[in-house]
Amino acid sequence: MTKREEKRHLTLRQQKAEKIIDKVLQFKVCEQCLSISFRRAPTCSVCGAYRFDERPGTVRETARKMGTIPFPLTSGTVPRIRIEDPETRENGRD
C-alpha cells in the first residue's frame, strides 16, 4: 500500500468510526477480536465468536481507536484496550 492509499484508507476508517460513534447504540464489540458489529448480528462476522460487549463506552472507545489505525487488524495482532467505564464498576464487571 502506498502512502497515498494508506492516507485515503485511514480517512475512510475515520469516517466510518465517526458514523459508529454517532449511532453507538446500534453496534457492539466482539470480545474475541474487538471488531465492531451491528447489534442485531448473532455472531461476529470476522471470527465467529458470540460474546459481545454492548456498552456504549466500549463501542465508542473501540471505534475511536480503530479510526486511527490505517489497516484492519485481527485478534492475533490487535492490542487489548483497557477501557475505564463507569458502567463497569456499577455492574461489578472488571
C-alpha atoms as a PDB file:
ATOM      1  CA  MET A   1       0.000   0.000   0.000  1.00  0.00           C
ATOM      2  CA  THR A   2       1.429   3.348  -0.990  1.00  0.00           C
ATOM      3  CA  LYS A   3       1.428   6.305   1.414  1.00  0.00           C
ATOM      4  CA  ARG A   4      -1.325   7.937  -0.608  1.00  0.00           C
ATOM      5  CA  GLU A   5      -3.502   4.803  -0.488  1.00  0.00           C
ATOM      6  CA  GLU A   6      -2.801   4.421   3.225  1.00  0.00           C
ATOM      7  CA  LYS A   7      -3.857   8.002   3.881  1.00  0.00           C
ATOM      8  CA  ARG A   8      -7.039   7.549   1.839  1.00  0.00           C
ATOM      9  CA  HIS A   9      -7.881   4.332   3.657  1.00  0.00           C
ATOM     10  CA  LEU A  10      -7.241   5.945   7.063  1.00  0.00           C
ATOM     11  CA  THR A  11      -9.599   8.772   6.132  1.00  0.00           C
ATOM     12  CA  LEU A  12     -12.258   6.201   5.218  1.00  0.00           C
ATOM     13  CA  ARG A  13     -11.770   4.378   8.554  1.00  0.00           C
ATOM     14  CA  GLN A  14     -12.058   7.679  10.433  1.00  0.00           C
ATOM     15  CA  GLN A  15     -15.316   8.467   8.637  1.00  0.00           C
ATOM     16  CA  LYS A  16     -16.698   5.023   9.499  1.00  0.00           C
ATOM     17  CA  ALA A  17     -15.608   5.442  13.122  1.00  0.00           C
ATOM     18  CA  GLU A  18     -17.478   8.757  13.295  1.00  0.00           C
ATOM     19  CA  LYS A  19     -20.646   7.106  11.957  1.00  0.00           C
ATOM     20  CA  ILE A  20     -20.365   4.353  14.577  1.00  0.00           C
ATOM     21  CA  ILE A  21     -19.809   6.892  17.355  1.00  0.00           C
ATOM     22  CA  ASP A  22     -22.837   8.892  16.185  1.00  0.00           C
ATOM     23  CA  LYS A  23     -25.066   5.791  16.350  1.00  0.00           C
ATOM     24  CA  VAL A  24     -23.292   3.920  19.140  1.00  0.00           C
ATOM     25  CA  LEU A  25     -26.443   2.110  20.321  1.00  0.00           C
ATOM     26  CA  GLN A  26     -26.674   0.215  17.012  1.00  0.00           C
ATOM     27  CA  PHE A  27     -23.292  -1.505  17.473  1.00  0.00           C
ATOM     28  CA  LYS A  28     -21.386  -3.881  19.735  1.00  0.00           C
ATOM     29  CA  VAL A  29     -17.765  -5.014  20.090  1.00  0.00           C
ATOM     30  CA  CYS A  30     -16.665  -8.629  19.724  1.00  0.00           C
ATOM     31  CA  GLU A  31     -14.896  -9.704  22.916  1.00  0.00           C
ATOM     32  CA  GLN A  32     -12.686 -12.096  20.939  1.00  0.00           C
ATOM     33  CA  CYS A  33     -11.277  -9.956  18.123  1.00  0.00           C
ATOM     34  CA  LEU A  34     -12.520  -6.437  19.012  1.00  0.00           C
ATOM     35  CA  SER A  35     -14.269  -5.950  15.683  1.00  0.00           C
ATOM     36  CA  ILE A  36     -17.384  -3.806  15.668  1.00  0.00           C
ATOM     37  CA  SER A  37     -20.630  -5.433  14.551  1.00  0.00           C
ATOM     38  CA  PHE A  38     -24.234  -4.390  14.261  1.00  0.00           C
ATOM     39  CA  ARG A  39     -26.046  -5.100  17.497  1.00  0.00           C
ATOM     40  CA  ARG A  40     -28.506  -7.419  15.729  1.00  0.00           C
ATOM     41  CA  ALA A  41     -25.743  -9.765  14.483  1.00  0.00           C
ATOM     42  CA  PRO A  42     -25.820 -13.091  16.357  1.00  0.00           C
ATOM     43  CA  THR A  43     -22.123 -13.854  15.793  1.00  0.00           C
ATOM     44  CA  CYS A  44     -19.004 -11.935  14.813  1.00  0.00           C
ATOM     45  CA  SER A  45     -18.558 -11.824  11.045  1.00  0.00           C
ATOM     46  CA  VAL A  46     -14.761 -11.777  11.463  1.00  0.00           C
ATOM     47  CA  CYS A  47     -14.042 -14.568  13.958  1.00  0.00           C
ATOM     48  CA  GLY A  48     -17.398 -16.266  14.561  1.00  0.00           C
ATOM     49  CA  ALA A  49     -17.466 -15.533  18.298  1.00  0.00           C
ATOM     50  CA  TYR A  50     -20.762 -14.936  20.055  1.00  0.00           C
ATOM     51  CA  ARG A  51     -19.691 -12.881  23.092  1.00  0.00           C
ATOM     52  CA  PHE A  52     -20.021  -9.145  22.711  1.00  0.00           C
ATOM     53  CA  ASP A  53     -19.656  -6.022  24.785  1.00  0.00           C
ATOM     54  CA  GLU A  54     -22.623  -3.755  24.063  1.00  0.00           C
ATOM     55  CA  ARG A  55     -21.743  -0.936  26.458  1.00  0.00           C
ATOM     56  CA  PRO A  56     -21.762   2.403  24.606  1.00  0.00           C
ATOM     57  CA  GLY A  57     -18.463   3.461  26.201  1.00  0.00           C
ATOM     58  CA  THR A  58     -16.720   0.350  24.906  1.00  0.00           C
ATOM     59  CA  VAL A  59     -18.123   0.731  21.396  1.00  0.00           C
ATOM     60  CA  ARG A  60     -17.220   4.432  21.312  1.00  0.00           C
ATOM     61  CA  GLU A  61     -13.648   3.913  22.511  1.00  0.00           C
ATOM     62  CA  THR A  62     -13.030   0.944  20.201  1.00  0.00           C
ATOM     63  CA  ALA A  63     -14.317   2.912  17.190  1.00  0.00           C
ATOM     64  CA  ARG A  64     -12.174   5.884  18.158  1.00  0.00           C
ATOM     65  CA  LYS A  65      -9.032   3.735  18.390  1.00  0.00           C
ATOM     66  CA  MET A  66      -9.734   1.761  15.219  1.00  0.00           C
ATOM     67  CA  GLY A  67     -10.227   5.044  13.348  1.00  0.00           C
ATOM     68  CA  THR A  68      -6.551   5.820  13.967  1.00  0.00           C
ATOM     69  CA  ILE A  69      -5.174   2.573  12.502  1.00  0.00           C
ATOM     70  CA  PRO A  70      -4.829   2.652   8.703  1.00  0.00           C
ATOM     71  CA  PHE A  71      -5.436  -1.059   8.172  1.00  0.00           C
ATOM     72  CA  PRO A  72      -7.664  -3.737   9.705  1.00  0.00           C
ATOM     73  CA  LEU A  73      -6.252  -5.911  12.464  1.00  0.00           C
ATOM     74  CA  THR A  74      -7.152  -9.386  13.616  1.00  0.00           C
ATOM     75  CA  SER A  75      -7.378 -10.779  17.112  1.00  0.00           C
ATOM     76  CA  GLY A  76      -3.799 -12.027  16.843  1.00  0.00           C
ATOM     77  CA  THR A  77      -2.358  -8.540  16.417  1.00  0.00           C
ATOM     78  CA  VAL A  78      -4.836  -6.100  17.921  1.00  0.00           C
ATOM     79  CA  PRO A  79      -3.774  -4.582  21.232  1.00  0.00           C
ATOM     80  CA  ARG A  80      -6.132  -5.204  24.126  1.00  0.00           C
ATOM     81  CA  ILE A  81      -7.792  -1.989  25.139  1.00  0.00           C
ATOM     82  CA  ARG A  82      -8.449  -1.271  28.800  1.00  0.00           C
ATOM     83  CA  ILE A  83     -11.479   0.959  28.888  1.00  0.00           C
ATOM     84  CA  GLU A  84     -12.400   2.812  32.038  1.00  0.00           C
ATOM     85  CA  ASP A  85     -16.169   2.956  32.018  1.00  0.00           C
ATOM     86  CA  PRO A  86     -18.388   3.948  34.943  1.00  0.00           C
ATOM     87  CA  GLU A  87     -20.830   1.172  33.959  1.00  0.00           C
ATOM     88  CA  THR A  88     -18.106  -1.390  34.682  1.00  0.00           C
ATOM     89  CA  ARG A  89     -17.902  -0.528  38.350  1.00  0.00           C
ATOM     90  CA  GLU A  90     -21.665  -0.226  38.795  1.00  0.00           C
ATOM     91  CA  ASN A  91     -22.371  -3.679  37.341  1.00  0.00           C
ATOM     92  CA  GLY A  92     -19.470  -5.360  39.098  1.00  0.00           C
ATOM     93  CA  ARG A  93     -17.627  -6.149  35.863  1.00  0.00           C
ATOM     94  CA  ASP A  94     -13.878  -5.555  35.650  1.00  0.00           C
END
